[in-house]
Amino acid sequence: MNKIAAVLASATLLSLAACGEKPKDETNNAAAVENIVENAANAVENASNAVENASNAVENTANASNAK
């Protein structure tokens, strides 16, 4: 369970870090802002996938324990 908690925590931190990015000198550059938003969305999706993978790992472990 500790590994799963670590995966969830790191996925959450990565998504928060990506969402916290701010454009530097390109504040008025719509393409740069769009790219940052898209990267943040991808980070959130990656975090969601990490949570789903962790959930599947827990389910697989439970199934393996029940099979014994």
N, C-alpha and C. Protein backbone atom coordinates (compact mmCIF):
# COMPACT_ATOMS: atom_id res chain seq x y z
N MET A 1 0.82 -1.20 0.00
CA MET A 1 0.00 0.00 0.00
C MET A 1 0.86 1.27 0.00
N ASN A 2 2.07 1.19 0.57
CA ASN A 2 2.92 2.37 0.61
C ASN A 2 3.32 2.81 -0.79
N LYS A 3 3.57 1.84 -1.69
CA LYS A 3 3.93 2.19 -3.06
C LYS A 3 2.77 2.87 -3.76
N ILE A 4 1.57 2.39 -3.51
CA ILE A 4 0.38 3.00 -4.12
C ILE A 4 0.20 4.42 -3.62
N ALA A 5 0.40 4.62 -2.34
CA ALA A 5 0.28 5.97 -1.77
C ALA A 5 1.33 6.89 -2.38
N ALA A 6 2.53 6.37 -2.61
CA ALA A 6 3.59 7.18 -3.21
C ALA A 6 3.24 7.56 -4.64
N VAL A 7 2.65 6.60 -5.37
CA VAL A 7 2.24 6.89 -6.75
C VAL A 7 1.17 7.97 -6.76
N LEU A 8 0.19 7.83 -5.90
CA LEU A 8 -0.89 8.82 -5.83
C LEU A 8 -0.36 10.19 -5.44
N ALA A 9 0.53 10.22 -4.48
CA ALA A 9 1.07 11.50 -4.03
C ALA A 9 1.90 12.16 -5.12
N SER A 10 2.74 11.37 -5.79
CA SER A 10 3.57 11.96 -6.85
C SER A 10 2.73 12.42 -8.02
N ALA A 11 1.69 11.66 -8.38
CA ALA A 11 0.81 12.07 -9.47
C ALA A 11 0.09 13.37 -9.13
N THR A 12 -0.34 13.48 -7.89
CA THR A 12 -1.01 14.70 -7.45
C THR A 12 -0.07 15.89 -7.49
N LEU A 13 1.15 15.70 -7.01
CA LEU A 13 2.12 16.79 -7.01
C LEU A 13 2.49 17.21 -8.42
N LEU A 14 2.63 16.25 -9.33
CA LEU A 14 2.94 16.58 -10.72
C LEU A 14 1.82 17.38 -11.35
N SER A 15 0.59 16.99 -11.10
CA SER A 15 -0.52 17.73 -11.70
C SER A 15 -0.62 19.13 -11.12
N LEU A 16 -0.37 19.28 -9.84
CA LEU A 16 -0.40 20.61 -9.22
C LEU A 16 0.74 21.48 -9.75
N ALA A 17 1.90 20.88 -9.93
CA ALA A 17 3.04 21.64 -10.44
C ALA A 17 2.76 22.13 -11.86
N ALA A 18 2.18 21.26 -12.67
CA ALA A 18 1.88 21.65 -14.05
C ALA A 18 0.81 22.74 -14.09
N CYS A 19 -0.16 22.64 -13.23
CA CYS A 19 -1.23 23.64 -13.20
C CYS A 19 -0.72 24.98 -12.68
N GLY A 20 0.36 24.97 -11.92
CA GLY A 20 0.89 26.20 -11.36
C GLY A 20 1.82 26.94 -12.29
N GLU A 21 2.10 26.36 -13.45
CA GLU A 21 3.00 27.05 -14.39
C GLU A 21 2.36 28.35 -14.87
N LYS A 22 3.19 29.36 -14.99
CA LYS A 22 2.71 30.65 -15.49
C LYS A 22 3.59 31.06 -16.66
N PRO A 23 3.00 31.64 -17.67
CA PRO A 23 3.83 32.13 -18.78
C PRO A 23 4.76 33.23 -18.29
N LYS A 24 6.00 33.22 -18.77
CA LYS A 24 6.97 34.20 -18.31
C LYS A 24 6.86 35.46 -19.15
N ASP A 25 7.70 35.56 -20.16
CA ASP A 25 7.69 36.76 -20.99
C ASP A 25 6.63 36.69 -22.08
N GLU A 26 5.91 35.59 -22.14
CA GLU A 26 4.98 35.36 -23.24
C GLU A 26 3.52 35.53 -22.80
N THR A 27 3.29 36.39 -21.85
CA THR A 27 1.95 36.56 -21.30
C THR A 27 0.92 36.87 -22.38
N ASN A 28 1.30 37.67 -23.36
CA ASN A 28 0.35 38.06 -24.40
C ASN A 28 0.37 37.14 -25.60
N ASN A 29 1.16 36.11 -25.56
CA ASN A 29 1.26 35.18 -26.68
C ASN A 29 0.22 34.08 -26.49
N ALA A 30 -0.85 34.14 -27.26
CA ALA A 30 -1.96 33.20 -27.10
C ALA A 30 -1.52 31.76 -27.33
N ALA A 31 -0.63 31.54 -28.27
CA ALA A 31 -0.17 30.17 -28.55
C ALA A 31 0.58 29.59 -27.35
N ALA A 32 1.40 30.41 -26.72
CA ALA A 32 2.15 29.94 -25.56
C ALA A 32 1.21 29.63 -24.40
N VAL A 33 0.24 30.48 -24.19
CA VAL A 33 -0.72 30.26 -23.11
C VAL A 33 -1.53 28.99 -23.39
N GLU A 34 -1.94 28.82 -24.63
CA GLU A 34 -2.69 27.62 -25.01
C GLU A 34 -1.86 26.37 -24.76
N ASN A 35 -0.58 26.45 -25.08
CA ASN A 35 0.31 25.32 -24.87
C ASN A 35 0.44 24.98 -23.39
N ILE A 36 0.53 25.98 -22.56
CA ILE A 36 0.63 25.75 -21.11
C ILE A 36 -0.65 25.11 -20.58
N VAL A 37 -1.79 25.59 -21.05
CA VAL A 37 -3.07 25.02 -20.62
C VAL A 37 -3.17 23.56 -21.07
N GLU A 38 -2.74 23.30 -22.30
CA GLU A 38 -2.78 21.93 -22.81
C GLU A 38 -1.86 21.03 -22.01
N ASN A 39 -0.67 21.53 -21.66
CA ASN A 39 0.25 20.75 -20.84
C ASN A 39 -0.34 20.46 -19.46
N ALA A 40 -1.02 21.43 -18.89
CA ALA A 40 -1.65 21.23 -17.58
C ALA A 40 -2.76 20.19 -17.68
N ALA A 41 -3.53 20.26 -18.76
CA ALA A 41 -4.59 19.27 -18.97
C ALA A 41 -4.00 17.87 -19.12
N ASN A 42 -2.90 17.78 -19.84
CA ASN A 42 -2.23 16.48 -20.00
C ASN A 42 -1.70 15.97 -18.67
N ALA A 43 -1.19 16.86 -17.84
CA ALA A 43 -0.70 16.45 -16.53
C ALA A 43 -1.83 15.92 -15.65
N VAL A 44 -2.97 16.56 -15.73
CA VAL A 44 -4.13 16.09 -14.96
C VAL A 44 -4.58 14.73 -15.47
N GLU A 45 -4.59 14.56 -16.79
CA GLU A 45 -4.97 13.27 -17.37
C GLU A 45 -3.97 12.19 -16.96
N ASN A 46 -2.69 12.53 -16.97
CA ASN A 46 -1.66 11.57 -16.53
C ASN A 46 -1.85 11.19 -15.07
N ALA A 47 -2.19 12.17 -14.24
CA ALA A 47 -2.43 11.88 -12.83
C ALA A 47 -3.64 10.97 -12.67
N SER A 48 -4.67 11.23 -13.47
CA SER A 48 -5.86 10.38 -13.43
C SER A 48 -5.52 8.95 -13.84
N ASN A 49 -4.69 8.82 -14.87
CA ASN A 49 -4.27 7.49 -15.30
C ASN A 49 -3.45 6.80 -14.22
N ALA A 50 -2.60 7.54 -13.53
CA ALA A 50 -1.80 6.96 -12.45
C ALA A 50 -2.70 6.46 -11.33
N VAL A 51 -3.73 7.22 -11.01
CA VAL A 51 -4.69 6.80 -9.97
C VAL A 51 -5.42 5.54 -10.42
N GLU A 52 -5.83 5.51 -11.68
CA GLU A 52 -6.52 4.33 -12.21
C GLU A 52 -5.60 3.11 -12.18
N ASN A 53 -4.33 3.31 -12.55
CA ASN A 53 -3.37 2.20 -12.52
C ASN A 53 -3.16 1.70 -11.09
N ALA A 54 -3.09 2.62 -10.15
CA ALA A 54 -2.93 2.22 -8.76
C ALA A 54 -4.15 1.45 -8.27
N SER A 55 -5.32 1.90 -8.69
CA SER A 55 -6.55 1.20 -8.33
C SER A 55 -6.57 -0.21 -8.90
N ASN A 56 -6.13 -0.32 -10.15
CA ASN A 56 -6.06 -1.65 -10.77
C ASN A 56 -5.06 -2.55 -10.05
N ALA A 57 -3.95 -1.98 -9.60
CA ALA A 57 -2.96 -2.76 -8.87
C ALA A 57 -3.53 -3.27 -7.56
N VAL A 58 -4.30 -2.42 -6.88
CA VAL A 58 -4.93 -2.84 -5.63
C VAL A 58 -5.94 -3.96 -5.90
N GLU A 59 -6.72 -3.78 -6.95
CA GLU A 59 -7.72 -4.79 -7.30
C GLU A 59 -7.04 -6.11 -7.68
N ASN A 60 -5.95 -6.04 -8.43
CA ASN A 60 -5.22 -7.25 -8.81
C ASN A 60 -4.64 -7.96 -7.59
N THR A 61 -4.14 -7.18 -6.65
CA THR A 61 -3.59 -7.75 -5.42
C THR A 61 -4.69 -8.43 -4.61
N ALA A 62 -5.85 -7.78 -4.54
CA ALA A 62 -6.98 -8.38 -3.82
C ALA A 62 -7.43 -9.66 -4.50
N ASN A 63 -7.49 -9.64 -5.82
CA ASN A 63 -7.88 -10.85 -6.55
C ASN A 63 -6.88 -11.98 -6.35
N ALA A 64 -5.59 -11.65 -6.34
CA ALA A 64 -4.57 -12.67 -6.13
C ALA A 64 -4.67 -13.25 -4.73
N SER A 65 -4.96 -12.41 -3.75
CA SER A 65 -5.10 -12.88 -2.38
C SER A 65 -6.32 -13.79 -2.24
N ASN A 66 -7.39 -13.47 -2.94
CA ASN A 66 -8.60 -14.29 -2.87
C ASN A 66 -8.45 -15.59 -3.61
N ALA A 67 -7.58 -15.65 -4.59
CA ALA A 67 -7.38 -16.87 -5.37
C ALA A 67 -6.66 -17.94 -4.60
N LYS A 68 -5.91 -17.53 -3.57
CA LYS A 68 -5.16 -18.51 -2.76
C LYS A 68 -6.09 -19.27 -1.94
